[in-house]
C-alpha atoms as a PDB file:
ATOM      1  CA  MET A   1       3.482 -16.462  73.076  1.00  0.00           C
ATOM      2  CA  ILE A   2       4.585 -18.489  69.828  1.00  0.00           C
ATOM      3  CA  THR A   3       6.891 -21.693  70.834  1.00  0.00           C
ATOM      4  CA  ILE A   4       9.128 -22.864  68.437  1.00  0.00           C
ATOM      5  CA  TYR A   5      10.723 -26.409  68.835  1.00  0.00           C
ATOM      6  CA  ASN A   6      13.808 -27.326  67.150  1.00  0.00           C
ATOM      7  CA  PHE A   7      16.762 -29.645  67.169  1.00  0.00           C
ATOM      8  CA  PRO A   8      20.135 -27.840  68.536  1.00  0.00           C
ATOM      9  CA  ARG A   9      21.701 -25.836  65.401  1.00  0.00           C
ATOM     10  CA  GLY A  10      18.515 -27.169  63.343  1.00  0.00           C
ATOM     11  CA  ALA A  11      18.836 -24.753  60.106  1.00  0.00           C
ATOM     12  CA  ARG A  12      15.033 -24.845  59.461  1.00  0.00           C
ATOM     13  CA  GLY A  13      14.194 -24.046  62.978  1.00  0.00           C
ATOM     14  CA  VAL A  14      16.486 -20.882  62.642  1.00  0.00           C
ATOM     15  CA  ARG A  15      14.170 -19.759  59.874  1.00  0.00           C
ATOM     16  CA  ALA A  16      11.255 -19.274  62.101  1.00  0.00           C
ATOM     17  CA  PHE A  17      13.544 -17.565  64.958  1.00  0.00           C
ATOM     18  CA  TRP A  18      15.002 -15.269  62.306  1.00  0.00           C
ATOM     19  CA  VAL A  19      11.776 -14.042  61.119  1.00  0.00           C
ATOM     20  CA  CYS A  20      10.607 -13.366  64.548  1.00  0.00           C
ATOM     21  CA  GLU A  21      13.825 -11.591  65.366  1.00  0.00           C
ATOM     22  CA  GLU A  22      13.550  -9.243  62.207  1.00  0.00           C
ATOM     23  CA  MET A  23       9.992  -8.323  63.362  1.00  0.00           C
ATOM     24  CA  GLY A  24      10.486  -7.972  67.129  1.00  0.00           C
ATOM     25  CA  VAL A  25       7.727 -10.896  67.585  1.00  0.00           C
ATOM     26  CA  PRO A  26       8.454 -12.585  71.167  1.00  0.00           C
ATOM     27  CA  TYR A  27       8.719 -16.135  70.997  1.00  0.00           C
ATOM     28  CA  ARG A  28      10.102 -19.100  72.934  1.00  0.00           C
ATOM     29  CA  ALA A  29      12.719 -21.606  71.794  1.00  0.00           C
ATOM     30  CA  GLU A  30      12.199 -25.269  72.844  1.00  0.00           C
ATOM     31  CA  ALA A  31      14.887 -27.601  72.301  1.00  0.00           C
ATOM     32  CA  VAL A  32      13.998 -31.222  70.985  1.00  0.00           C
ATOM     33  CA  SER A  33      16.017 -34.285  71.552  1.00  0.00           C
ATOM     34  CA  PHE A  34      17.083 -37.348  69.059  1.00  0.00           C
ATOM     35  CA  PRO A  35      15.488 -39.299  68.619  1.00  0.00           C
ATOM     36  CA  PRO A  36      12.176 -37.170  69.595  1.00  0.00           C
ATOM     37  CA  SER A  37      10.630 -38.171  72.973  1.00  0.00           C
ATOM     38  CA  GLU A  38       6.984 -39.600  73.049  1.00  0.00           C
ATOM     39  CA  ALA A  39       5.977 -36.442  74.837  1.00  0.00           C
ATOM     40  CA  TYR A  40       6.932 -34.699  71.438  1.00  0.00           C
ATOM     41  CA  ARG A  41       5.472 -36.991  69.113  1.00  0.00           C
ATOM     42  CA  ALA A  42       2.141 -36.365  70.946  1.00  0.00           C
ATOM     43  CA  LEU A  43       2.384 -32.796  69.842  1.00  0.00           C
ATOM     44  CA  ASN A  44       3.971 -33.426  66.266  1.00  0.00           C
ATOM     45  CA  PRO A  45       3.421 -37.196  65.176  1.00  0.00           C
ATOM     46  CA  MET A  46       5.710 -36.723  62.185  1.00  0.00           C
ATOM     47  CA  GLY A  47       8.428 -36.292  64.812  1.00  0.00           C
ATOM     48  CA  THR A  48      10.159 -33.813  62.853  1.00  0.00           C
ATOM     49  CA  VAL A  49      11.627 -30.213  63.537  1.00  0.00           C
ATOM     50  CA  PRO A  50      10.581 -27.443  63.354  1.00  0.00           C
ATOM     51  CA  PHE A  51       7.419 -27.370  64.767  1.00  0.00           C
ATOM     52  CA  LEU A  52       5.546 -24.211  66.016  1.00  0.00           C
ATOM     53  CA  GLU A  53       2.498 -23.392  68.405  1.00  0.00           C
ATOM     54  CA  ASP A  54       0.849 -20.074  68.940  1.00  0.00           C
ATOM     55  CA  GLU A  55      -2.339 -18.982  70.395  1.00  0.00           C
ATOM     56  CA  GLY A  56      -5.864 -20.418  69.386  1.00  0.00           C
ATOM     57  CA  GLY A  57      -4.449 -24.150  68.585  1.00  0.00           C
ATOM     58  CA  VAL A  58      -2.211 -23.116  65.877  1.00  0.00           C
ATOM     59  CA  ALA A  59       0.119 -25.911  65.033  1.00  0.00           C
ATOM     60  CA  ILE A  60       2.545 -26.224  62.051  1.00  0.00           C
ATOM     61  CA  ASN A  61       5.288 -28.282  61.401  1.00  0.00           C
ATOM     62  CA  GLU A  62       6.518 -26.847  57.873  1.00  0.00           C
ATOM     63  CA  SER A  63       9.058 -24.010  58.309  1.00  0.00           C
ATOM     64  CA  THR A  64       8.171 -22.111  55.086  1.00  0.00           C
ATOM     65  CA  ALA A  65       4.453 -22.123  56.423  1.00  0.00           C
ATOM     66  CA  MET A  66       5.645 -20.914  59.635  1.00  0.00           C
ATOM     67  CA  MET A  67       7.658 -18.169  58.020  1.00  0.00           C
ATOM     68  CA  LEU A  68       4.503 -16.998  56.003  1.00  0.00           C
ATOM     69  CA  TYR A  69       2.207 -17.399  58.780  1.00  0.00           C
ATOM     70  CA  ILE A  70       4.344 -15.323  61.278  1.00  0.00           C
ATOM     71  CA  ALA A  71       4.880 -12.651  58.598  1.00  0.00           C
ATOM     72  CA  GLU A  72       1.018 -12.644  58.138  1.00  0.00           C
ATOM     73  CA  ARG A  73      -0.043 -12.769  61.591  1.00  0.00           C
ATOM     74  CA  TYR A  74       2.317 -10.303  62.917  1.00  0.00           C
ATOM     75  CA  GLY A  75       2.508  -8.336  59.987  1.00  0.00           C
ATOM     76  CA  PRO A  76       2.581  -5.977  58.162  1.00  0.00           C
ATOM     77  CA  THR A  77       6.460  -6.282  57.506  1.00  0.00           C
ATOM     78  CA  PRO A  78       8.767  -5.634  54.661  1.00  0.00           C
ATOM     79  CA  LEU A  79       9.789  -9.401  54.772  1.00  0.00           C
ATOM     80  CA  LEU A  80       6.748 -10.136  52.762  1.00  0.00           C
ATOM     81  CA  PRO A  81       5.669  -7.560  50.144  1.00  0.00           C
ATOM     82  CA  ALA A  82       2.018  -6.220  50.079  1.00  0.00           C
ATOM     83  CA  LYS A  83      -0.393  -7.783  47.603  1.00  0.00           C
ATOM     84  CA  ASP A  84      -0.110  -5.217  44.982  1.00  0.00           C
ATOM     85  CA  ASP A  85       3.778  -5.112  45.117  1.00  0.00           C
ATOM     86  CA  PRO A  86       5.242  -6.638  41.932  1.00  0.00           C
ATOM     87  CA  ALA A  87       7.937  -8.269  44.343  1.00  0.00           C
ATOM     88  CA  LEU A  88       5.230 -10.530  46.113  1.00  0.00           C
ATOM     89  CA  ALA A  89       5.571 -13.336  43.503  1.00  0.00           C
ATOM     90  CA  LYS A  90       9.219 -13.675  43.377  1.00  0.00           C
ATOM     91  CA  VAL A  91       9.184 -13.648  47.350  1.00  0.00           C
ATOM     92  CA  LEU A  92       6.564 -16.428  47.573  1.00  0.00           C
ATOM     93  CA  GLN A  93       8.519 -18.165  44.815  1.00  0.00           C
ATOM     94  CA  PHE A  94      11.953 -18.289  46.651  1.00  0.00           C
ATOM     95  CA  THR A  95      10.415 -18.756  49.788  1.00  0.00           C
ATOM     96  CA  VAL A  96       8.959 -21.830  49.229  1.00  0.00           C
ATOM     97  CA  TYR A  97      11.895 -22.855  46.836  1.00  0.00           C
ATOM     98  CA  GLY A  98      14.133 -22.860  49.660  1.00  0.00           C
ATOM     99  CA  GLU A  99      12.520 -25.944  51.172  1.00  0.00           C
ATOM    100  CA  GLY A 100      10.265 -27.415  48.205  1.00  0.00           C
ATOM    101  CA  THR A 101      13.334 -27.799  45.917  1.00  0.00           C
ATOM    102  CA  LEU A 102      16.294 -27.029  47.965  1.00  0.00           C
ATOM    103  CA  GLY A 103      15.548 -28.576  51.392  1.00  0.00           C
ATOM    104  CA  SER A 104      13.727 -31.391  49.937  1.00  0.00           C
ATOM    105  CA  GLY A 105      16.243 -32.187  47.671  1.00  0.00           C
ATOM    106  CA  MET A 106      18.881 -32.491  50.474  1.00  0.00           C
ATOM    107  CA  ASN A 107      17.105 -34.711  52.738  1.00  0.00           C
ATOM    108  CA  PRO A 108      17.758 -37.958  51.112  1.00  0.00           C
ATOM    109  CA  LEU A 109      21.306 -36.751  50.438  1.00  0.00           C
ATOM    110  CA  MET A 110      21.598 -36.369  54.240  1.00  0.00           C
ATOM    111  CA  MET A 111      19.940 -39.801  54.983  1.00  0.00           C
ATOM    112  CA  ALA A 112      22.336 -41.419  52.332  1.00  0.00           C
ATOM    113  CA  LYS A 113      25.452 -39.641  53.864  1.00  0.00           C
ATOM    114  CA  PHE A 114      24.468 -40.260  57.545  1.00  0.00           C
ATOM    115  CA  GLY A 115      22.405 -43.252  57.577  1.00  0.00           C
ATOM    116  CA  ALA A 116      23.233 -45.643  54.372  1.00  0.00           C
ATOM    117  CA  PRO A 117      26.010 -48.260  54.524  1.00  0.00           C
ATOM    118  CA  ASP A 118      29.102 -47.068  52.747  1.00  0.00           C
ATOM    119  CA  ALA A 119      28.584 -49.498  49.558  1.00  0.00           C
ATOM    120  CA  GLU A 120      24.885 -47.361  48.972  1.00  0.00           C
ATOM    121  CA  LYS A 121      26.114 -44.107  49.810  1.00  0.00           C
ATOM    122  CA  ASP A 122      27.184 -43.194  45.981  1.00  0.00           C
ATOM    123  CA  ILE A 123      24.716 -44.711  43.883  1.00  0.00           C
ATOM    124  CA  TRP A 124      22.704 -43.157  40.917  1.00  0.00           C
ATOM    125  CA  MET A 125      19.999 -41.397  42.855  1.00  0.00           C
ATOM    126  CA  THR A 126      22.650 -39.558  44.915  1.00  0.00           C
ATOM    127  CA  ARG A 127      24.381 -38.414  42.023  1.00  0.00           C
ATOM    128  CA  ALA A 128      21.577 -37.302  40.276  1.00  0.00           C
ATOM    129  CA  LEU A 129      20.217 -35.277  43.176  1.00  0.00           C
ATOM    130  CA  TYR A 130      23.539 -33.752  43.596  1.00  0.00           C
ATOM    131  CA  GLY A 131      23.427 -32.591  40.004  1.00  0.00           C
ATOM    132  CA  ARG A 132      19.746 -31.326  40.807  1.00  0.00           C
ATOM    133  CA  MET A 133      20.997 -29.276  43.890  1.00  0.00           C
ATOM    134  CA  GLU A 134      23.784 -27.811  42.023  1.00  0.00           C
ATOM    135  CA  THR A 135      21.136 -26.685  39.364  1.00  0.00           C
ATOM    136  CA  ALA A 136      18.834 -25.293  41.679  1.00  0.00           C
ATOM    137  CA  LEU A 137      21.829 -23.267  43.335  1.00  0.00           C
ATOM    138  CA  ASP A 138      22.593 -21.896  39.776  1.00  0.00           C
ATOM    139  CA  ILE A 139      19.025 -20.655  39.404  1.00  0.00           C
ATOM    140  CA  VAL A 140      19.161 -18.662  42.811  1.00  0.00           C
ATOM    141  CA  ALA A 141      22.527 -17.285  41.558  1.00  0.00           C
ATOM    142  CA  LYS A 142      20.871 -15.865  38.411  1.00  0.00           C
ATOM    143  CA  ALA A 143      17.508 -14.776  40.583  1.00  0.00           C
ATOM    144  CA  LEU A 144      20.073 -12.707  42.687  1.00  0.00           C
ATOM    145  CA  GLY A 145      22.095 -11.353  39.851  1.00  0.00           C
ATOM    146  CA  ASP A 146      23.910  -8.247  40.819  1.00  0.00           C
ATOM    147  CA  GLY A 147      21.146  -7.253  43.155  1.00  0.00           C
ATOM    148  CA  PRO A 148      21.560  -7.087  47.060  1.00  0.00           C
ATOM    149  CA  PHE A 149      18.832  -9.521  47.757  1.00  0.00           C
ATOM    150  CA  ILE A 150      17.039 -12.282  45.972  1.00  0.00           C
ATOM    151  CA  ALA A 151      13.627 -10.189  45.139  1.00  0.00           C
ATOM    152  CA  GLY A 152      15.548  -6.774  44.624  1.00  0.00           C
ATOM    153  CA  GLU A 153      16.456  -4.250  46.880  1.00  0.00           C
ATOM    154  CA  THR A 154      14.646  -5.502  49.996  1.00  0.00           C
ATOM    155  CA  PHE A 155      15.442  -8.263  52.606  1.00  0.00           C
ATOM    156  CA  THR A 156      12.403 -10.565  52.670  1.00  0.00           C
ATOM    157  CA  LEU A 157      11.470 -14.145  53.621  1.00  0.00           C
ATOM    158  CA  ALA A 158      13.050 -15.586  50.558  1.00  0.00           C
ATOM    159  CA  ASP A 159      16.537 -14.417  51.446  1.00  0.00           C
ATOM    160  CA  ILE A 160      15.994 -16.039  54.971  1.00  0.00           C
ATOM    161  CA  SER A 161      14.559 -19.479  53.291  1.00  0.00           C
ATOM    162  CA  VAL A 162      17.180 -19.459  50.945  1.00  0.00           C
ATOM    163  CA  SER A 163      20.288 -19.013  52.944  1.00  0.00           C
ATOM    164  CA  THR A 164      19.255 -21.263  55.671  1.00  0.00           C
ATOM    165  CA  ALA A 165      18.818 -24.163  53.115  1.00  0.00           C
ATOM    166  CA  ILE A 166      22.530 -23.660  51.916  1.00  0.00           C
ATOM    167  CA  ASP A 167      23.499 -23.762  55.682  1.00  0.00           C
ATOM    168  CA  MET A 168      22.270 -27.712  55.330  1.00  0.00           C
ATOM    169  CA  TRP A 169      24.312 -27.760  51.903  1.00  0.00           C
ATOM    170  CA  LYS A 170      27.436 -26.579  53.394  1.00  0.00           C
ATOM    171  CA  GLY A 171      27.507 -27.608  56.886  1.00  0.00           C
ATOM    172  CA  ALA A 172      25.669 -31.012  56.772  1.00  0.00           C
ATOM    173  CA  LEU A 173      26.726 -32.010  53.187  1.00  0.00           C
ATOM    174  CA  GLY A 174      30.095 -30.154  53.037  1.00  0.00           C
ATOM    175  CA  LYS A 175      29.300 -28.734  49.668  1.00  0.00           C
ATOM    176  CA  ASP A 176      30.708 -25.229  48.274  1.00  0.00           C
ATOM    177  CA  THR A 177      28.208 -22.890  46.746  1.00  0.00           C
ATOM    178  CA  PRO A 178      28.667 -20.430  43.537  1.00  0.00           C
ATOM    179  CA  PRO A 179      31.023 -17.410  44.687  1.00  0.00           C
ATOM    180  CA  ALA A 180      28.310 -14.998  44.459  1.00  0.00           C
ATOM    181  CA  LEU A 181      25.877 -16.918  46.832  1.00  0.00           C
ATOM    182  CA  ALA A 182      28.729 -17.283  49.327  1.00  0.00           C
ATOM    183  CA  ALA A 183      29.176 -13.499  49.432  1.00  0.00           C
ATOM    184  CA  TRP A 184      25.487 -12.969  49.562  1.00  0.00           C
ATOM    185  CA  ARG A 185      24.908 -15.690  52.425  1.00  0.00           C
ATOM    186  CA  GLU A 186      27.613 -14.065  54.524  1.00  0.00           C
ATOM    187  CA  ARG A 187      26.173 -10.835  54.145  1.00  0.00           C
ATOM    188  CA  VAL A 188      22.915 -11.387  54.889  1.00  0.00           C
ATOM    189  CA  GLN A 189      23.787 -13.620  58.028  1.00  0.00           C
ATOM    190  CA  SER A 190      25.833 -11.034  59.076  1.00  0.00           C
ATOM    191  CA  ARG A 191      22.588  -9.234  60.216  1.00  0.00           C
ATOM    192  CA  PRO A 192      21.776  -8.907  64.069  1.00  0.00           C
ATOM    193  CA  ALA A 193      18.619 -10.815  63.882  1.00  0.00           C
ATOM    194  CA  TYR A 194      20.316 -13.584  62.178  1.00  0.00           C
ATOM    195  CA  LEU A 195      22.944 -13.705  65.049  1.00  0.00           C
ATOM    196  CA  ARG A 196      20.081 -13.880  67.819  1.00  0.00           C
ATOM    197  CA  ALA A 197      17.909 -16.547  65.759  1.00  0.00           C
ATOM    198  CA  ALA A 198      21.277 -18.705  65.409  1.00  0.00           C
ATOM    199  CA  ALA A 199      21.768 -18.378  69.054  1.00  0.00           C
ATOM    200  CA  ALA A 200      18.333 -19.023  70.178  1.00  0.00           C
ATOM    201  CA  GLN A 201      18.383 -22.571  70.746  1.00  0.00           C
ATOM    202  CA  GLN A 202      21.004 -21.797  73.717  1.00  0.00           C
ATOM    203  CA  ARG A 203      18.703 -19.137  75.675  1.00  0.00           C
END
């Protein structure tokens, strides 16, 4: 069985929980303390969350890689279009974008907000990054357009990846999102699978 390690309320771990819940894949949620224990660092030397283990020695410490692994290993699933589906490219693009552009850009902002001395929180780099994140979210809003989901008519990994990144933008950083994205996020996060995933750490 899949085991997914995560901080309580960790948005990135919810990505993996959510994929499992949408697909009906059994998994076990394992809470990680902060700072991580030496036992946890022995499993994942980076000490980051989430971290996934599966049968056969599978070990993954990147959340979007976990999403793709679960979809491929335990699919097929509508969350990841088939290789001949024109929507595949857009799904892959925005699944990675959720972390490669949005999540990675928010990391230093969260470090500055919660760890930097007051005099160093509002520096040139943080102001530039906030502007970059706002542009990145506008790009998602344009990709969504009038459609129900990022890649078209079907809910996919892209919606999971980006909406959980917005959780960090709103929750940890306290920032607003474009209205179209706010409505879309509320809609996708009303799905029963998301509600189960969000509660998974309390199991």
